Amino acid sequence: LFAEAVTLHQRGDLNAAEVRYRQVLGLQPGHPDALHHLGLIAYAAGLLDEAAGHIGESLRRKPANAAAHANLALVHHARGDYAGALE
């Protein structure tokens, strides 16, 4: 299900991908990669607080995810939180 969500995401079908990521979370609450990818979708939609929340929760569950750290920095930067982006 997660792989299907990623494929949809890569194809640009963000609505369908979001549904699948949420299904993954329904089956496995706290799935760090589903949270990270939901954050990316929120970021793409300009929902920066939601993006930061999802990616931040992803990192609490999987702190060694370098891509999530980089994406969270991008979200902070987009919010004008330059100190948070550097952190």
Protein backbone atom coordinates (compact mmCIF):
# COMPACT_ATOMS: atom_id res chain seq x y z
CA LEU A 1 0.00 0.00 0.00
CA PHE A 2 2.85 2.38 0.84
CA ALA A 3 4.65 1.52 -2.42
CA GLU A 4 1.44 2.21 -4.33
CA ALA A 5 1.16 5.59 -2.58
CA VAL A 6 4.73 6.48 -3.52
CA THR A 7 4.09 5.53 -7.16
CA LEU A 8 1.00 7.75 -7.25
CA HIS A 9 2.97 10.54 -5.59
CA GLN A 10 5.76 10.26 -8.16
CA ARG A 11 3.19 10.38 -10.96
CA GLY A 12 1.83 13.62 -9.52
CA ASP A 13 -1.52 12.20 -8.39
CA LEU A 14 -1.26 13.83 -4.98
CA ASN A 15 -4.90 13.35 -3.99
CA ALA A 16 -4.79 9.59 -4.55
CA ALA A 17 -1.37 9.37 -2.91
CA GLU A 18 -2.65 11.22 0.16
CA VAL A 19 -5.55 8.79 0.47
CA ARG A 20 -3.14 5.84 0.34
CA TYR A 21 -0.73 7.37 2.87
CA ARG A 22 -3.65 7.90 5.23
CA GLN A 23 -4.71 4.28 4.67
CA VAL A 24 -1.19 3.20 5.63
CA LEU A 25 -1.46 5.27 8.79
CA GLY A 26 -4.83 3.68 9.52
CA LEU A 27 -3.19 0.26 9.39
CA GLN A 28 0.06 1.29 11.02
CA PRO A 29 -0.36 4.47 13.07
CA GLY A 30 2.80 6.52 13.19
CA HIS A 31 4.33 5.02 10.03
CA PRO A 32 7.27 7.44 9.68
CA ASP A 33 7.57 7.31 5.90
CA ALA A 34 3.84 7.82 5.35
CA LEU A 35 4.00 10.82 7.71
CA HIS A 36 7.00 12.23 5.85
CA HIS A 37 5.28 11.89 2.49
CA LEU A 38 2.05 13.43 3.81
CA GLY A 39 4.22 16.33 4.87
CA LEU A 40 5.58 16.63 1.34
CA ILE A 41 2.05 16.75 -0.06
CA ALA A 42 1.07 19.41 2.46
CA TYR A 43 4.18 21.40 1.54
CA ALA A 44 3.29 21.20 -2.14
CA ALA A 45 -0.18 22.52 -1.29
CA GLY A 46 1.30 25.42 0.70
CA LEU A 47 0.03 24.03 4.01
CA LEU A 48 3.28 24.75 5.79
CA ASP A 49 2.17 24.23 9.40
CA GLU A 50 0.63 20.88 8.49
CA ALA A 51 3.77 19.94 6.55
CA ALA A 52 5.98 20.79 9.52
CA GLY A 53 3.76 18.76 11.83
CA HIS A 54 3.80 15.64 9.69
CA ILE A 55 7.51 15.76 8.91
CA GLY A 56 8.37 16.60 12.51
CA GLU A 57 6.37 13.62 13.75
CA SER A 58 8.05 11.45 11.15
CA LEU A 59 11.44 12.50 12.52
CA ARG A 60 10.40 11.78 16.11
CA ARG A 61 9.72 8.22 14.98
CA LYS A 62 12.68 7.85 12.58
CA PRO A 63 15.31 10.45 13.55
CA ALA A 64 18.02 9.23 11.16
CA ASN A 65 16.01 10.08 8.02
CA ALA A 66 18.26 12.63 6.31
CA ALA A 67 15.72 13.36 3.56
CA ALA A 68 13.08 14.23 6.16
CA HIS A 69 15.54 16.57 7.91
CA ALA A 70 16.25 18.31 4.60
CA ASN A 71 12.56 18.60 3.77
CA LEU A 72 11.73 19.95 7.22
CA ALA A 73 14.42 22.60 6.69
CA LEU A 74 12.73 23.56 3.41
CA VAL A 75 9.39 23.89 5.18
CA HIS A 76 10.91 26.07 7.91
CA HIS A 77 12.59 28.22 5.27
CA ALA A 78 9.29 28.63 3.40
CA ARG A 79 7.67 29.73 6.68
CA GLY A 80 10.37 32.34 7.16
CA ASP A 81 11.75 30.42 10.14
CA TYR A 82 15.40 30.61 9.15
CA ALA A 83 16.69 29.57 12.57
CA GLY A 84 14.48 26.47 12.42
CA ALA A 85 15.74 25.73 8.93
CA LEU A 86 19.35 25.87 10.13
CA GLU A 87 18.57 23.68 13.11
